[in-house]
Amino acid sequence: MNQKQEKNKQTDIREDGLNWLLAFIFKTVYPPWKLHEGEIPETVLAQLDRGGDWPQGTARRAMERLNRDRELVEQLEEHFAARDIALGDEAQA
């Protein structure tokens, strides 16, 4: 593998890691965001930051993004609907 291919591979790995981290943050914040209809209480935001071992304010920024990004919310709704279906199938088996 030449240097250019190695550099591209490292970039792909970093991007995959960042994408995974962002997906994890939004998948963690979405359930309380939905429960509290877009306004997560400060205590819950702090718990999310501590529980996720994220910098302070990460959960708040994720909540704010969910409040303004309908497409992201729809993607998360689809994710959780598919997960619930899969979990329901496993429970019936």
Protein backbone atom coordinates (compact mmCIF):
# COMPACT_ATOMS: atom_id res chain seq x y z
CA MET A 1 0.00 0.00 0.00
CA ASN A 2 1.46 3.36 -0.96
CA GLN A 3 1.44 6.45 1.28
CA LYS A 4 -1.59 8.00 -0.39
CA GLN A 5 -3.67 4.82 0.08
CA GLU A 6 -2.54 4.57 3.72
CA LYS A 7 -3.51 8.20 4.37
CA ASN A 8 -6.94 7.67 2.75
CA LYS A 9 -7.48 4.57 4.89
CA GLN A 10 -6.63 6.52 8.07
CA THR A 11 -9.01 9.31 7.04
CA ASP A 12 -11.80 6.77 6.43
CA ILE A 13 -11.25 5.24 9.88
CA ARG A 14 -11.35 8.66 11.56
CA GLU A 15 -14.52 9.62 9.68
CA ASP A 16 -16.16 6.31 10.60
CA GLY A 17 -15.25 6.89 14.25
CA LEU A 18 -16.64 10.41 14.21
CA ASN A 19 -19.83 9.28 12.48
CA TRP A 20 -20.25 6.51 15.06
CA LEU A 21 -19.74 8.96 17.94
CA LEU A 22 -22.24 11.47 16.58
CA ALA A 23 -24.80 8.71 15.95
CA PHE A 24 -24.28 7.45 19.51
CA ILE A 25 -24.83 10.93 20.96
CA PHE A 26 -28.03 11.52 19.00
CA LYS A 27 -29.36 8.00 19.72
CA THR A 28 -28.75 8.63 23.43
CA VAL A 29 -30.33 12.11 23.52
CA TYR A 30 -33.33 11.30 21.30
CA PRO A 31 -35.42 9.27 23.83
CA PRO A 32 -35.39 11.97 26.56
CA TRP A 33 -35.82 14.64 23.87
CA LYS A 34 -38.97 12.89 22.68
CA LEU A 35 -40.21 12.24 26.22
CA HIS A 36 -39.81 15.90 27.19
CA GLU A 37 -41.14 17.18 23.86
CA GLY A 38 -37.94 18.92 22.83
CA GLU A 39 -37.09 20.61 26.15
CA ILE A 40 -34.93 18.28 28.23
CA PRO A 41 -34.57 19.49 31.86
CA GLU A 42 -31.12 20.73 32.95
CA THR A 43 -30.68 17.84 35.39
CA VAL A 44 -31.28 15.29 32.63
CA LEU A 45 -28.93 17.11 30.26
CA ALA A 46 -26.21 17.00 32.92
CA GLN A 47 -26.86 13.28 33.50
CA LEU A 48 -26.57 12.61 29.77
CA ASP A 49 -23.25 14.46 29.60
CA ARG A 50 -21.86 12.59 32.60
CA GLY A 51 -23.26 9.22 31.53
CA GLY A 52 -21.88 9.57 28.02
CA ASP A 53 -18.55 10.92 29.33
CA TRP A 54 -19.00 13.86 26.95
CA PRO A 55 -17.81 17.43 27.34
CA GLN A 56 -20.29 19.54 29.29
CA GLY A 57 -22.95 20.95 26.98
CA THR A 58 -22.85 18.15 24.39
CA ALA A 59 -26.34 16.91 25.25
CA ARG A 60 -27.71 20.47 25.10
CA ARG A 61 -26.21 20.98 21.62
CA ALA A 62 -27.69 17.66 20.48
CA MET A 63 -31.10 18.71 21.85
CA GLU A 64 -30.86 22.05 20.03
CA ARG A 65 -29.95 20.27 16.79
CA LEU A 66 -32.92 17.92 17.16
CA ASN A 67 -35.18 20.93 17.68
CA ARG A 68 -34.18 22.42 14.33
CA ASP A 69 -33.40 19.39 12.13
CA ARG A 70 -36.59 17.54 11.16
CA GLU A 71 -34.69 15.20 8.81
CA LEU A 72 -32.44 14.02 11.67
CA VAL A 73 -35.50 13.43 13.85
CA GLU A 74 -37.11 11.37 11.09
CA GLN A 75 -33.96 9.26 10.76
CA LEU A 76 -33.94 8.62 14.50
CA GLU A 77 -37.66 7.76 14.47
CA GLU A 78 -36.98 5.21 11.73
CA HIS A 79 -34.04 3.78 13.67
CA PHE A 80 -36.03 3.33 16.87
CA ALA A 81 -39.08 1.97 15.02
CA ALA A 82 -36.90 -0.64 13.29
CA ARG A 83 -35.23 -1.49 16.61
CA ASP A 84 -38.59 -1.88 18.34
CA ILE A 85 -39.82 -4.16 15.55
CA ALA A 86 -36.67 -6.28 15.83
CA LEU A 87 -36.98 -6.48 19.60
CA GLY A 88 -40.64 -7.44 19.25
CA ASP A 89 -39.70 -10.23 16.85
CA GLU A 90 -37.09 -11.53 19.29
CA ALA A 91 -39.57 -11.52 22.18
CA GLN A 92 -42.08 -13.53 20.14
CA ALA A 93 -39.47 -16.14 19.13
